[in-house]
């Protein structure tokens, strides 16, 4: 097994790493085509959830995160900041931490 290229990974490090590895190709592809790839990965994740192994599930989750980071890079969104802004202090729905929203409702 190879050594992990990023120790103590954060969303910002992941986003930078993906950008350094694929940035020019991603920009050339554009956001619409990248969104289609992300959507395809969600389909593969759904299949892995339904009938895949734990390893397949983990790999598909990694693909979804990588394609989301790619889309964020193309559109100039700092994912770490966006997550912090929305979820950093408490649930955006009820304002509590831990969340006390109705389990049947989307917070």
N, C-alpha and C. Protein backbone atom coordinates (compact mmCIF):
# COMPACT_ATOMS: atom_id res chain seq x y z
N UNK A 1 0.85 -1.17 0.00
CA UNK A 1 0.00 0.00 0.00
C UNK A 1 0.90 1.24 0.00
N UNK A 2 0.55 2.22 -0.78
CA UNK A 2 1.36 3.43 -0.86
C UNK A 2 1.06 4.36 0.32
N UNK A 3 2.01 5.23 0.59
CA UNK A 3 1.85 6.20 1.67
C UNK A 3 0.80 7.22 1.27
N UNK A 4 0.02 7.66 2.23
CA UNK A 4 -1.01 8.67 1.96
C UNK A 4 -0.34 9.98 1.57
N UNK A 5 -0.77 10.59 0.46
CA UNK A 5 -0.14 11.84 0.02
C UNK A 5 -0.49 13.04 0.87
N UNK A 6 -1.58 12.96 1.60
CA UNK A 6 -2.00 14.08 2.42
C UNK A 6 -2.31 13.56 3.82
N UNK A 7 -1.52 13.97 4.78
CA UNK A 7 -1.81 13.61 6.16
C UNK A 7 -2.72 14.67 6.75
N UNK A 8 -3.63 14.26 7.63
CA UNK A 8 -4.52 15.22 8.25
C UNK A 8 -5.35 15.96 7.22
N UNK A 9 -5.97 15.22 6.30
CA UNK A 9 -6.70 15.84 5.20
C UNK A 9 -7.86 16.69 5.71
N UNK A 10 -8.03 17.83 5.09
CA UNK A 10 -9.18 18.70 5.32
C UNK A 10 -9.88 18.86 3.98
N UNK A 11 -11.04 19.43 3.99
CA UNK A 11 -11.71 19.70 2.72
C UNK A 11 -10.89 20.64 1.85
N UNK A 12 -10.26 21.62 2.47
CA UNK A 12 -9.43 22.55 1.70
C UNK A 12 -8.24 21.84 1.06
N UNK A 13 -7.58 20.95 1.82
CA UNK A 13 -6.46 20.20 1.26
C UNK A 13 -6.93 19.29 0.13
N UNK A 14 -8.06 18.62 0.33
CA UNK A 14 -8.59 17.75 -0.71
C UNK A 14 -8.90 18.55 -1.97
N UNK A 15 -9.56 19.68 -1.80
CA UNK A 15 -9.91 20.52 -2.94
C UNK A 15 -8.66 20.99 -3.68
N UNK A 16 -7.65 21.39 -2.95
CA UNK A 16 -6.39 21.82 -3.58
C UNK A 16 -5.70 20.67 -4.28
N UNK A 17 -5.69 19.52 -3.65
CA UNK A 17 -5.05 18.34 -4.22
C UNK A 17 -5.73 17.93 -5.53
N UNK A 18 -7.07 17.89 -5.53
CA UNK A 18 -7.82 17.56 -6.74
C UNK A 18 -7.55 18.61 -7.82
N UNK A 19 -7.52 19.88 -7.43
CA UNK A 19 -7.24 20.94 -8.39
C UNK A 19 -5.86 20.82 -9.01
N UNK A 20 -4.87 20.49 -8.20
CA UNK A 20 -3.51 20.34 -8.71
C UNK A 20 -3.40 19.14 -9.65
N UNK A 21 -4.14 18.08 -9.35
CA UNK A 21 -4.05 16.87 -10.14
C UNK A 21 -4.84 16.97 -11.45
N UNK A 22 -6.00 17.61 -11.41
CA UNK A 22 -6.92 17.58 -12.55
C UNK A 22 -7.38 18.94 -13.04
N UNK A 23 -6.92 20.02 -12.43
CA UNK A 23 -7.46 21.34 -12.66
C UNK A 23 -7.64 21.77 -14.11
N UNK A 24 -6.59 21.63 -14.93
CA UNK A 24 -6.70 22.07 -16.32
C UNK A 24 -7.74 21.25 -17.08
N UNK A 25 -7.72 19.94 -16.88
CA UNK A 25 -8.72 19.08 -17.53
C UNK A 25 -10.13 19.44 -17.07
N UNK A 26 -10.27 19.71 -15.77
CA UNK A 26 -11.59 20.03 -15.23
C UNK A 26 -12.13 21.33 -15.81
N UNK A 27 -11.28 22.34 -15.88
CA UNK A 27 -11.71 23.63 -16.45
C UNK A 27 -12.10 23.48 -17.91
N UNK A 28 -11.35 22.68 -18.65
CA UNK A 28 -11.66 22.46 -20.06
C UNK A 28 -12.99 21.72 -20.22
N UNK A 29 -13.31 20.80 -19.30
CA UNK A 29 -14.56 20.05 -19.36
C UNK A 29 -15.75 20.95 -19.02
N UNK A 30 -15.56 21.84 -18.04
CA UNK A 30 -16.62 22.76 -17.64
C UNK A 30 -17.55 22.20 -16.59
N UNK A 31 -18.40 23.09 -16.07
CA UNK A 31 -19.25 22.69 -14.95
C UNK A 31 -20.40 21.79 -15.35
N UNK A 32 -20.98 21.97 -16.54
CA UNK A 32 -22.12 21.14 -16.93
C UNK A 32 -21.71 19.68 -17.08
N UNK A 33 -20.61 19.42 -17.78
CA UNK A 33 -20.14 18.04 -17.96
C UNK A 33 -19.67 17.46 -16.63
N UNK A 34 -19.04 18.27 -15.80
CA UNK A 34 -18.59 17.80 -14.49
C UNK A 34 -19.79 17.41 -13.63
N UNK A 35 -20.85 18.19 -13.69
CA UNK A 35 -22.05 17.85 -12.93
C UNK A 35 -22.62 16.51 -13.40
N UNK A 36 -22.56 16.24 -14.69
CA UNK A 36 -23.04 14.95 -15.19
C UNK A 36 -22.19 13.79 -14.63
N UNK A 37 -20.87 13.98 -14.57
CA UNK A 37 -20.01 12.97 -13.97
C UNK A 37 -20.36 12.77 -12.50
N UNK A 38 -20.59 13.86 -11.78
CA UNK A 38 -20.96 13.77 -10.37
C UNK A 38 -22.27 12.99 -10.23
N UNK A 39 -23.21 13.28 -11.09
CA UNK A 39 -24.50 12.59 -11.06
C UNK A 39 -24.32 11.09 -11.31
N UNK A 40 -23.46 10.75 -12.26
CA UNK A 40 -23.17 9.34 -12.54
C UNK A 40 -22.58 8.66 -11.31
N UNK A 41 -21.70 9.37 -10.62
CA UNK A 41 -21.11 8.80 -9.41
C UNK A 41 -22.16 8.58 -8.32
N UNK A 42 -23.15 9.46 -8.22
CA UNK A 42 -24.23 9.23 -7.27
C UNK A 42 -24.99 7.96 -7.61
N UNK A 43 -25.19 7.70 -8.90
CA UNK A 43 -25.84 6.45 -9.31
C UNK A 43 -25.01 5.24 -8.91
N UNK A 44 -23.70 5.32 -9.11
CA UNK A 44 -22.83 4.22 -8.72
C UNK A 44 -22.83 4.04 -7.20
N UNK A 45 -22.92 5.15 -6.46
CA UNK A 45 -23.01 5.07 -5.00
C UNK A 45 -24.32 4.38 -4.60
N UNK A 46 -25.41 4.70 -5.29
CA UNK A 46 -26.69 4.06 -4.99
C UNK A 46 -26.61 2.55 -5.20
N UNK A 47 -25.96 2.13 -6.27
CA UNK A 47 -25.79 0.71 -6.54
C UNK A 47 -24.96 0.05 -5.45
N UNK A 48 -23.87 0.71 -5.04
CA UNK A 48 -23.02 0.16 -3.99
C UNK A 48 -23.77 0.08 -2.66
N UNK A 49 -24.62 1.06 -2.37
CA UNK A 49 -25.42 1.01 -1.14
C UNK A 49 -26.38 -0.18 -1.17
N UNK A 50 -26.93 -0.44 -2.32
CA UNK A 50 -27.92 -1.50 -2.45
C UNK A 50 -27.28 -2.89 -2.43
N UNK A 51 -26.16 -3.05 -3.14
CA UNK A 51 -25.66 -4.42 -3.30
C UNK A 51 -24.14 -4.53 -3.35
N UNK A 52 -23.43 -3.49 -3.00
CA UNK A 52 -21.98 -3.55 -3.08
C UNK A 52 -21.33 -3.99 -1.78
N UNK A 53 -20.05 -4.25 -1.90
CA UNK A 53 -19.26 -4.57 -0.72
C UNK A 53 -18.92 -3.28 0.02
N UNK A 54 -18.38 -3.43 1.20
CA UNK A 54 -17.96 -2.26 1.97
C UNK A 54 -16.89 -1.49 1.20
N UNK A 55 -15.96 -2.20 0.57
CA UNK A 55 -14.90 -1.55 -0.20
C UNK A 55 -15.48 -0.79 -1.40
N UNK A 56 -16.42 -1.38 -2.11
CA UNK A 56 -17.06 -0.69 -3.24
C UNK A 56 -17.78 0.56 -2.77
N UNK A 57 -18.47 0.45 -1.66
CA UNK A 57 -19.18 1.60 -1.10
C UNK A 57 -18.21 2.73 -0.76
N UNK A 58 -17.10 2.40 -0.12
CA UNK A 58 -16.10 3.40 0.25
C UNK A 58 -15.52 4.07 -0.99
N UNK A 59 -15.22 3.29 -2.03
CA UNK A 59 -14.66 3.86 -3.26
C UNK A 59 -15.64 4.79 -3.95
N UNK A 60 -16.91 4.44 -3.96
CA UNK A 60 -17.91 5.31 -4.59
C UNK A 60 -18.12 6.59 -3.78
N UNK A 61 -18.06 6.48 -2.46
CA UNK A 61 -18.14 7.69 -1.64
C UNK A 61 -16.96 8.61 -1.93
N UNK A 62 -15.77 8.03 -2.08
CA UNK A 62 -14.60 8.83 -2.42
C UNK A 62 -14.78 9.51 -3.78
N UNK A 63 -15.34 8.79 -4.74
CA UNK A 63 -15.58 9.38 -6.07
C UNK A 63 -16.54 10.56 -5.99
N UNK A 64 -17.60 10.42 -5.21
CA UNK A 64 -18.58 11.51 -5.08
C UNK A 64 -17.91 12.75 -4.49
N UNK A 65 -17.12 12.56 -3.45
CA UNK A 65 -16.45 13.70 -2.83
C UNK A 65 -15.46 14.34 -3.81
N UNK A 66 -14.72 13.52 -4.55
CA UNK A 66 -13.74 14.06 -5.50
C UNK A 66 -14.42 14.85 -6.61
N UNK A 67 -15.51 14.34 -7.15
CA UNK A 67 -16.21 15.07 -8.22
C UNK A 67 -16.89 16.34 -7.68
N UNK A 68 -17.36 16.31 -6.43
CA UNK A 68 -17.91 17.51 -5.83
C UNK A 68 -16.82 18.56 -5.65
N UNK A 69 -15.64 18.12 -5.21
CA UNK A 69 -14.50 19.04 -5.08
C UNK A 69 -14.14 19.63 -6.44
N UNK A 70 -14.18 18.81 -7.47
CA UNK A 70 -13.90 19.28 -8.83
C UNK A 70 -14.88 20.36 -9.24
N UNK A 71 -16.16 20.12 -9.02
CA UNK A 71 -17.18 21.10 -9.38
C UNK A 71 -17.00 22.40 -8.59
N UNK A 72 -16.68 22.26 -7.32
CA UNK A 72 -16.42 23.45 -6.48
C UNK A 72 -15.23 24.22 -7.01
N UNK A 73 -14.17 23.53 -7.42
CA UNK A 73 -13.00 24.21 -7.98
C UNK A 73 -13.37 24.98 -9.24
N UNK A 74 -14.12 24.35 -10.11
CA UNK A 74 -14.50 25.01 -11.37
C UNK A 74 -15.30 26.27 -11.10
N UNK A 75 -16.20 26.22 -10.11
CA UNK A 75 -17.09 27.35 -9.82
C UNK A 75 -16.53 28.30 -8.77
N UNK A 76 -15.33 28.02 -8.24
CA UNK A 76 -14.71 28.93 -7.29
C UNK A 76 -15.34 28.91 -5.91
N UNK A 77 -15.84 27.77 -5.49
CA UNK A 77 -16.46 27.63 -4.17
C UNK A 77 -15.46 26.96 -3.24
N UNK A 78 -15.21 27.56 -2.09
CA UNK A 78 -14.38 26.97 -1.05
C UNK A 78 -15.29 26.07 -0.21
N UNK A 79 -15.18 24.76 -0.42
CA UNK A 79 -16.08 23.83 0.26
C UNK A 79 -15.97 23.89 1.77
N UNK A 80 -14.76 23.98 2.27
CA UNK A 80 -14.59 24.02 3.72
C UNK A 80 -15.30 25.24 4.32
N UNK A 81 -15.16 26.38 3.67
CA UNK A 81 -15.82 27.59 4.16
C UNK A 81 -17.34 27.47 4.03
N UNK A 82 -17.80 26.90 2.93
CA UNK A 82 -19.24 26.74 2.72
C UNK A 82 -19.85 25.84 3.79
N UNK A 83 -19.16 24.75 4.12
CA UNK A 83 -19.66 23.85 5.16
C UNK A 83 -19.66 24.54 6.51
N UNK A 84 -18.57 25.25 6.79
CA UNK A 84 -18.50 25.98 8.05
C UNK A 84 -19.61 27.02 8.14
N UNK A 85 -19.82 27.78 7.06
CA UNK A 85 -20.85 28.81 7.06
C UNK A 85 -22.23 28.23 7.31
N UNK A 86 -22.50 27.05 6.76
CA UNK A 86 -23.84 26.48 6.91
C UNK A 86 -24.00 25.65 8.17
N UNK A 87 -22.98 24.85 8.52
CA UNK A 87 -23.12 23.89 9.62
C UNK A 87 -22.16 24.11 10.78
N UNK A 88 -21.33 25.13 10.73
CA UNK A 88 -20.27 25.31 11.71
C UNK A 88 -20.70 25.53 13.14
N UNK A 89 -21.82 26.14 13.37
CA UNK A 89 -22.22 26.42 14.74
C UNK A 89 -23.33 25.54 15.26
N UNK A 90 -24.27 25.21 14.37
CA UNK A 90 -25.43 24.43 14.79
C UNK A 90 -26.21 24.01 13.56
N UNK A 91 -27.26 23.25 13.80
CA UNK A 91 -28.14 22.81 12.72
C UNK A 91 -28.76 24.03 12.05
N UNK A 92 -28.70 24.12 10.72
CA UNK A 92 -29.29 25.27 10.05
C UNK A 92 -30.82 25.29 10.13
N UNK A 93 -31.43 24.17 10.48
CA UNK A 93 -32.88 24.12 10.57
C UNK A 93 -33.41 24.58 11.91
N UNK A 94 -32.92 23.95 12.99
CA UNK A 94 -33.45 24.25 14.32
C UNK A 94 -32.54 25.16 15.14
N UNK A 95 -31.30 25.32 14.71
CA UNK A 95 -30.36 26.17 15.43
C UNK A 95 -29.71 25.50 16.64
N UNK A 96 -30.00 24.22 16.86
CA UNK A 96 -29.45 23.52 18.02
C UNK A 96 -28.30 22.59 17.61
N UNK A 97 -27.50 22.23 18.61
CA UNK A 97 -26.45 21.24 18.42
C UNK A 97 -26.34 20.41 19.69
N UNK A 98 -26.74 19.15 19.66
CA UNK A 98 -27.16 18.40 18.48
C UNK A 98 -28.55 18.81 18.00
N UNK A 99 -28.80 18.47 16.76
CA UNK A 99 -30.05 18.81 16.08
C UNK A 99 -31.25 18.21 16.81
N UNK A 100 -32.33 19.01 16.90
CA UNK A 100 -33.57 18.53 17.50
C UNK A 100 -34.73 18.62 16.50
N UNK A 101 -34.38 18.72 15.21
CA UNK A 101 -35.42 18.76 14.17
C UNK A 101 -36.21 17.44 14.17
N UNK A 102 -37.43 17.51 13.69
CA UNK A 102 -38.23 16.31 13.48
C UNK A 102 -37.46 15.39 12.53
N UNK A 103 -37.25 14.11 12.92
CA UNK A 103 -36.48 13.20 12.08
C UNK A 103 -37.05 13.02 10.67
N UNK A 104 -38.31 13.29 10.48
CA UNK A 104 -38.94 13.17 9.17
C UNK A 104 -38.75 14.40 8.29
N UNK A 105 -38.18 15.45 8.84
CA UNK A 105 -38.00 16.69 8.10
C UNK A 105 -36.53 16.89 7.74
N UNK A 106 -36.30 17.52 6.63
CA UNK A 106 -34.94 17.87 6.23
C UNK A 106 -34.55 19.16 6.96
N UNK A 107 -33.40 19.14 7.70
CA UNK A 107 -33.03 20.35 8.42
C UNK A 107 -32.61 21.48 7.48
